[in-house]
Amino acid sequence: MPQDRPRLPSPFRSLGHYADARTGFKKYLRAWQGEGQVAFQLGLWLNAKESLTKVIQLGEGDSNTWGLLGAVHSRLGDYINAEFAFRKAATMAPSNTDWKFGLADTFLKQERYPEAISLFDV
């Protein structure tokens, strides 16, 4: 059976399949989610940002999506948007310390030390 794509490692193949699915169906939420998560795992920050943003636009802005988007913005050096996304994620899932640490990290990168410290005051 001929293949349209060269043989790539599994995560890259799945990324291609997600892209094919969402190209045919612009509002196919699961394809956007899957693509965003795989792109994040592969360190393809711009692809992850596009996909995760689209997931939120389609109405599926859960804490995981917002948190991953915060991490992507942080890695791209966009600390204002990272802060916003981490705040949303932390509000939606207050018991998830990953989002709290992500928010603290954005404060530290902006040299906003008192705000970072205040997140962990007991």
N, C-alpha and C. Protein backbone atom coordinates (compact mmCIF):
# COMPACT_ATOMS: atom_id res chain seq x y z
N MET A 1 0.85 -1.17 0.00
CA MET A 1 0.00 0.00 0.00
C MET A 1 0.90 1.24 0.00
N PRO A 2 0.77 2.11 -1.00
CA PRO A 2 1.60 3.33 -1.02
C PRO A 2 1.18 4.30 0.07
N GLN A 3 2.17 5.03 0.54
CA GLN A 3 1.90 6.03 1.58
C GLN A 3 2.20 7.42 1.02
N ASP A 4 1.37 8.38 1.43
CA ASP A 4 1.57 9.76 0.99
C ASP A 4 2.70 10.43 1.75
N ARG A 5 2.93 9.99 2.97
CA ARG A 5 3.92 10.63 3.84
C ARG A 5 5.12 9.71 4.04
N PRO A 6 6.30 10.29 4.18
CA PRO A 6 7.46 9.45 4.52
C PRO A 6 7.27 8.86 5.92
N ARG A 7 7.93 7.79 6.20
CA ARG A 7 7.83 7.11 7.49
C ARG A 7 8.54 7.96 8.54
N LEU A 8 7.78 8.49 9.49
CA LEU A 8 8.31 9.34 10.56
C LEU A 8 8.03 8.68 11.90
N PRO A 9 8.73 9.09 12.95
CA PRO A 9 8.41 8.56 14.28
C PRO A 9 6.95 8.84 14.62
N SER A 10 6.38 8.01 15.44
CA SER A 10 4.95 8.03 15.74
C SER A 10 4.38 9.40 16.10
N PRO A 11 5.00 10.19 17.00
CA PRO A 11 4.39 11.49 17.33
C PRO A 11 4.28 12.41 16.12
N PHE A 12 5.27 12.37 15.25
CA PHE A 12 5.22 13.22 14.06
C PHE A 12 4.15 12.74 13.09
N ARG A 13 3.98 11.42 12.98
CA ARG A 13 2.91 10.88 12.14
C ARG A 13 1.55 11.30 12.67
N SER A 14 1.37 11.20 13.99
CA SER A 14 0.08 11.57 14.56
C SER A 14 -0.20 13.06 14.35
N LEU A 15 0.84 13.88 14.42
CA LEU A 15 0.68 15.31 14.17
C LEU A 15 0.15 15.54 12.75
N GLY A 16 0.67 14.79 11.81
CA GLY A 16 0.20 14.89 10.43
C GLY A 16 -1.24 14.45 10.28
N HIS A 17 -1.62 13.39 10.99
CA HIS A 17 -3.01 12.91 10.92
C HIS A 17 -3.97 13.93 11.52
N TYR A 18 -3.57 14.54 12.64
CA TYR A 18 -4.41 15.58 13.24
C TYR A 18 -4.57 16.76 12.29
N ALA A 19 -3.48 17.15 11.65
CA ALA A 19 -3.53 18.27 10.71
C ALA A 19 -4.47 17.94 9.54
N ASP A 20 -4.39 16.71 9.04
CA ASP A 20 -5.28 16.30 7.96
C ASP A 20 -6.74 16.37 8.41
N ALA A 21 -7.02 15.90 9.61
CA ALA A 21 -8.39 15.87 10.12
C ALA A 21 -8.95 17.28 10.29
N ARG A 22 -8.15 18.17 10.84
CA ARG A 22 -8.67 19.52 11.08
C ARG A 22 -8.73 20.35 9.80
N THR A 23 -7.95 19.98 8.80
CA THR A 23 -8.01 20.68 7.53
C THR A 23 -9.36 20.42 6.86
N GLY A 24 -9.81 19.19 6.93
CA GLY A 24 -11.10 18.85 6.33
C GLY A 24 -12.29 19.35 7.13
N PHE A 25 -12.10 19.44 8.44
CA PHE A 25 -13.19 19.84 9.33
C PHE A 25 -12.66 20.91 10.28
N LYS A 26 -12.85 22.16 9.91
CA LYS A 26 -12.24 23.30 10.62
C LYS A 26 -12.63 23.37 12.10
N LYS A 27 -13.79 22.82 12.47
CA LYS A 27 -14.24 22.89 13.86
C LYS A 27 -14.15 21.54 14.57
N TYR A 28 -13.27 20.67 14.08
CA TYR A 28 -13.09 19.34 14.68
C TYR A 28 -12.24 19.50 15.94
N LEU A 29 -12.92 19.69 17.05
CA LEU A 29 -12.28 20.02 18.32
C LEU A 29 -11.22 19.00 18.74
N ARG A 30 -11.53 17.73 18.67
CA ARG A 30 -10.58 16.69 19.12
C ARG A 30 -9.30 16.70 18.30
N ALA A 31 -9.40 17.03 17.02
CA ALA A 31 -8.19 17.11 16.19
C ALA A 31 -7.32 18.27 16.64
N TRP A 32 -7.96 19.43 16.93
CA TRP A 32 -7.19 20.58 17.41
C TRP A 32 -6.55 20.27 18.76
N GLN A 33 -7.31 19.62 19.66
CA GLN A 33 -6.76 19.27 20.97
C GLN A 33 -5.57 18.33 20.83
N GLY A 34 -5.77 17.27 20.06
CA GLY A 34 -4.69 16.29 19.88
C GLY A 34 -3.46 16.91 19.27
N GLU A 35 -3.67 17.73 18.25
CA GLU A 35 -2.53 18.38 17.61
C GLU A 35 -1.80 19.29 18.59
N GLY A 36 -2.55 20.04 19.39
CA GLY A 36 -1.93 20.93 20.37
C GLY A 36 -1.11 20.18 21.40
N GLN A 37 -1.63 19.07 21.89
CA GLN A 37 -0.92 18.29 22.90
C GLN A 37 0.33 17.64 22.33
N VAL A 38 0.23 17.09 21.13
CA VAL A 38 1.41 16.46 20.50
C VAL A 38 2.45 17.52 20.16
N ALA A 39 2.03 18.65 19.63
CA ALA A 39 2.97 19.72 19.30
C ALA A 39 3.68 20.19 20.57
N PHE A 40 2.93 20.29 21.68
CA PHE A 40 3.54 20.68 22.95
C PHE A 40 4.60 19.66 23.36
N GLN A 41 4.28 18.39 23.28
CA GLN A 41 5.22 17.33 23.67
C GLN A 41 6.47 17.35 22.81
N LEU A 42 6.32 17.74 21.55
CA LEU A 42 7.47 17.77 20.63
C LEU A 42 8.24 19.09 20.69
N GLY A 43 7.73 20.05 21.47
CA GLY A 43 8.40 21.34 21.57
C GLY A 43 8.17 22.24 20.37
N LEU A 44 7.10 22.00 19.63
CA LEU A 44 6.75 22.84 18.49
C LEU A 44 5.81 23.93 18.99
N TRP A 45 6.39 24.95 19.61
CA TRP A 45 5.63 25.93 20.38
C TRP A 45 4.63 26.73 19.55
N LEU A 46 5.02 27.14 18.36
CA LEU A 46 4.09 27.93 17.53
C LEU A 46 2.90 27.09 17.07
N ASN A 47 3.16 25.83 16.73
CA ASN A 47 2.06 24.94 16.36
C ASN A 47 1.14 24.69 17.55
N ALA A 48 1.74 24.48 18.71
CA ALA A 48 0.95 24.24 19.92
C ALA A 48 0.11 25.47 20.25
N LYS A 49 0.70 26.64 20.12
CA LYS A 49 -0.03 27.88 20.41
C LYS A 49 -1.24 28.02 19.50
N GLU A 50 -1.05 27.79 18.21
CA GLU A 50 -2.15 27.89 17.26
C GLU A 50 -3.27 26.90 17.60
N SER A 51 -2.90 25.66 17.86
CA SER A 51 -3.90 24.62 18.11
C SER A 51 -4.63 24.84 19.42
N LEU A 52 -3.89 25.15 20.48
CA LEU A 52 -4.52 25.34 21.79
C LEU A 52 -5.42 26.58 21.79
N THR A 53 -4.99 27.62 21.09
CA THR A 53 -5.82 28.82 20.97
C THR A 53 -7.11 28.49 20.25
N LYS A 54 -7.03 27.68 19.21
CA LYS A 54 -8.22 27.29 18.45
C LYS A 54 -9.16 26.46 19.33
N VAL A 55 -8.62 25.59 20.16
CA VAL A 55 -9.45 24.79 21.08
C VAL A 55 -10.26 25.72 21.98
N ILE A 56 -9.61 26.75 22.50
CA ILE A 56 -10.30 27.71 23.38
C ILE A 56 -11.36 28.48 22.58
N GLN A 57 -11.03 28.88 21.37
CA GLN A 57 -12.00 29.59 20.52
C GLN A 57 -13.23 28.73 20.23
N LEU A 58 -13.02 27.41 20.15
CA LEU A 58 -14.13 26.50 19.88
C LEU A 58 -14.93 26.17 21.15
N GLY A 59 -14.51 26.76 22.29
CA GLY A 59 -15.30 26.62 23.50
C GLY A 59 -14.87 25.55 24.47
N GLU A 60 -13.72 24.96 24.26
CA GLU A 60 -13.26 23.88 25.15
C GLU A 60 -12.06 24.36 25.96
N GLY A 61 -12.24 25.45 26.68
CA GLY A 61 -11.14 26.01 27.46
C GLY A 61 -11.09 25.44 28.86
N ASP A 62 -10.67 24.18 28.99
CA ASP A 62 -10.53 23.59 30.32
C ASP A 62 -9.19 23.99 30.93
N SER A 63 -8.97 23.62 32.17
CA SER A 63 -7.74 24.05 32.86
C SER A 63 -6.49 23.51 32.19
N ASN A 64 -6.55 22.30 31.66
CA ASN A 64 -5.39 21.71 31.00
C ASN A 64 -5.02 22.50 29.75
N THR A 65 -6.01 22.87 28.96
CA THR A 65 -5.75 23.64 27.75
C THR A 65 -5.15 25.00 28.09
N TRP A 66 -5.74 25.69 29.07
CA TRP A 66 -5.22 27.00 29.49
C TRP A 66 -3.80 26.86 30.06
N GLY A 67 -3.57 25.83 30.86
CA GLY A 67 -2.24 25.64 31.44
C GLY A 67 -1.17 25.36 30.40
N LEU A 68 -1.50 24.50 29.44
CA LEU A 68 -0.54 24.23 28.37
C LEU A 68 -0.29 25.48 27.54
N LEU A 69 -1.35 26.25 27.29
CA LEU A 69 -1.17 27.50 26.54
C LEU A 69 -0.29 28.47 27.32
N GLY A 70 -0.45 28.52 28.63
CA GLY A 70 0.42 29.35 29.46
C GLY A 70 1.88 28.93 29.34
N ALA A 71 2.12 27.62 29.37
CA ALA A 71 3.49 27.12 29.24
C ALA A 71 4.07 27.46 27.86
N VAL A 72 3.24 27.37 26.83
CA VAL A 72 3.71 27.72 25.48
C VAL A 72 4.07 29.20 25.41
N HIS A 73 3.19 30.06 25.91
CA HIS A 73 3.49 31.50 25.90
C HIS A 73 4.78 31.79 26.67
N SER A 74 4.95 31.13 27.79
CA SER A 74 6.16 31.33 28.60
C SER A 74 7.41 30.94 27.82
N ARG A 75 7.36 29.80 27.14
CA ARG A 75 8.51 29.35 26.36
C ARG A 75 8.80 30.27 25.18
N LEU A 76 7.75 30.95 24.69
CA LEU A 76 7.94 31.90 23.59
C LEU A 76 8.33 33.29 24.08
N GLY A 77 8.41 33.46 25.42
CA GLY A 77 8.81 34.74 25.98
C GLY A 77 7.68 35.75 26.10
N ASP A 78 6.46 35.32 25.91
CA ASP A 78 5.29 36.19 26.00
C ASP A 78 4.70 36.03 27.40
N TYR A 79 5.31 36.71 28.37
CA TYR A 79 4.98 36.48 29.78
C TYR A 79 3.63 37.07 30.20
N ILE A 80 3.17 38.10 29.53
CA ILE A 80 1.86 38.69 29.86
C ILE A 80 0.76 37.68 29.53
N ASN A 81 0.81 37.12 28.32
CA ASN A 81 -0.19 36.13 27.94
C ASN A 81 -0.02 34.83 28.73
N ALA A 82 1.21 34.49 29.07
CA ALA A 82 1.44 33.31 29.90
C ALA A 82 0.80 33.50 31.28
N GLU A 83 0.98 34.69 31.83
CA GLU A 83 0.38 35.00 33.13
C GLU A 83 -1.14 34.86 33.07
N PHE A 84 -1.74 35.43 32.03
CA PHE A 84 -3.20 35.35 31.88
C PHE A 84 -3.67 33.90 31.80
N ALA A 85 -2.99 33.10 30.97
CA ALA A 85 -3.39 31.70 30.78
C ALA A 85 -3.20 30.89 32.07
N PHE A 86 -2.07 31.11 32.76
CA PHE A 86 -1.86 30.38 34.01
C PHE A 86 -2.87 30.79 35.08
N ARG A 87 -3.24 32.06 35.11
CA ARG A 87 -4.27 32.51 36.07
C ARG A 87 -5.60 31.81 35.78
N LYS A 88 -5.97 31.74 34.50
CA LYS A 88 -7.21 31.04 34.13
C LYS A 88 -7.15 29.58 34.55
N ALA A 89 -6.04 28.93 34.26
CA ALA A 89 -5.89 27.51 34.58
C ALA A 89 -5.94 27.29 36.09
N ALA A 90 -5.25 28.14 36.84
CA ALA A 90 -5.22 28.01 38.30
C ALA A 90 -6.58 28.28 38.92
N THR A 91 -7.34 29.18 38.33
CA THR A 91 -8.69 29.46 38.82
C THR A 91 -9.61 28.26 38.59
N MET A 92 -9.45 27.62 37.45
CA MET A 92 -10.29 26.48 37.10
C MET A 92 -9.92 25.21 37.86
N ALA A 93 -8.64 25.06 38.20
CA ALA A 93 -8.16 23.87 38.90
C ALA A 93 -7.21 24.30 40.02
N PRO A 94 -7.76 24.84 41.12
CA PRO A 94 -6.91 25.38 42.19
C PRO A 94 -5.99 24.35 42.85
N SER A 95 -6.34 23.08 42.76
CA SER A 95 -5.49 22.06 43.39
C SER A 95 -4.31 21.66 42.51
N ASN A 96 -4.28 22.10 41.26
CA ASN A 96 -3.18 21.76 40.35
C ASN A 96 -2.02 22.73 40.57
N THR A 97 -0.99 22.25 41.22
CA THR A 97 0.15 23.11 41.54
C THR A 97 1.00 23.46 40.32
N ASP A 98 0.89 22.69 39.25
CA ASP A 98 1.66 23.00 38.04
C ASP A 98 1.33 24.39 37.52
N TRP A 99 0.07 24.75 37.55
CA TRP A 99 -0.34 26.06 37.04
C TRP A 99 0.12 27.17 37.98
N LYS A 100 0.11 26.89 39.27
CA LYS A 100 0.59 27.87 40.25
C LYS A 100 2.10 28.10 40.08
N PHE A 101 2.84 27.03 39.89
CA PHE A 101 4.28 27.16 39.65
C PHE A 101 4.55 27.86 38.32
N GLY A 102 3.74 27.58 37.31
CA GLY A 102 3.89 28.28 36.02
C GLY A 102 3.67 29.77 36.17
N LEU A 103 2.65 30.13 36.94
CA LEU A 103 2.37 31.55 37.18
C LEU A 103 3.53 32.20 37.94
N ALA A 104 4.02 31.51 38.96
CA ALA A 104 5.17 32.03 39.72
C ALA A 104 6.39 32.21 38.80
N ASP A 105 6.60 31.27 37.91
CA ASP A 105 7.73 31.35 36.98
C ASP A 105 7.60 32.58 36.07
N THR A 106 6.40 32.88 35.61
CA THR A 106 6.23 34.07 34.76
C THR A 106 6.52 35.34 35.56
N PHE A 107 6.12 35.36 36.84
CA PHE A 107 6.43 36.52 37.67
C PHE A 107 7.95 36.66 37.84
N LEU A 108 8.63 35.54 38.08
CA LEU A 108 10.09 35.59 38.26
C LEU A 108 10.78 36.08 36.98
N LYS A 109 10.33 35.61 35.85
CA LYS A 109 10.95 36.03 34.58
C LYS A 109 10.73 37.52 34.30
N GLN A 110 9.69 38.09 34.90
CA GLN A 110 9.43 39.53 34.77
C GLN A 110 9.99 40.32 35.94
N GLU A 111 10.72 39.64 36.81
CA GLU A 111 11.32 40.25 38.01
C GLU A 111 10.26 40.84 38.94
N ARG A 112 9.12 40.19 39.00
CA ARG A 112 8.03 40.59 39.90
C ARG A 112 8.07 39.65 41.11
N TYR A 113 9.12 39.77 41.87
CA TYR A 113 9.41 38.84 42.96
C TYR A 113 8.36 38.83 44.06
N PRO A 114 7.87 39.97 44.53
CA PRO A 114 6.86 39.92 45.61
C PRO A 114 5.61 39.14 45.21
N GLU A 115 5.19 39.28 43.94
CA GLU A 115 4.01 38.55 43.48
C GLU A 115 4.27 37.05 43.42
N ALA A 116 5.48 36.67 43.01
CA ALA A 116 5.82 35.25 42.98
C ALA A 116 5.82 34.66 44.38
N ILE A 117 6.41 35.40 45.31
CA ILE A 117 6.47 34.94 46.70
C ILE A 117 5.09 34.85 47.31
N SER A 118 4.23 35.79 46.98
CA SER A 118 2.88 35.81 47.58
C SER A 118 2.06 34.58 47.21
N LEU A 119 2.38 33.95 46.07
CA LEU A 119 1.65 32.73 45.68
C LEU A 119 1.88 31.58 46.67
N PHE A 120 2.99 31.66 47.38
CA PHE A 120 3.35 30.54 48.25
C PHE A 120 3.34 30.91 49.72
N ASP A 121 2.85 32.11 50.05
CA ASP A 121 2.70 32.48 51.46
C ASP A 121 1.62 31.60 52.08
N VAL A 122 1.95 31.11 53.25
CA VAL A 122 0.99 30.24 53.94
C VAL A 122 0.38 30.96 55.11
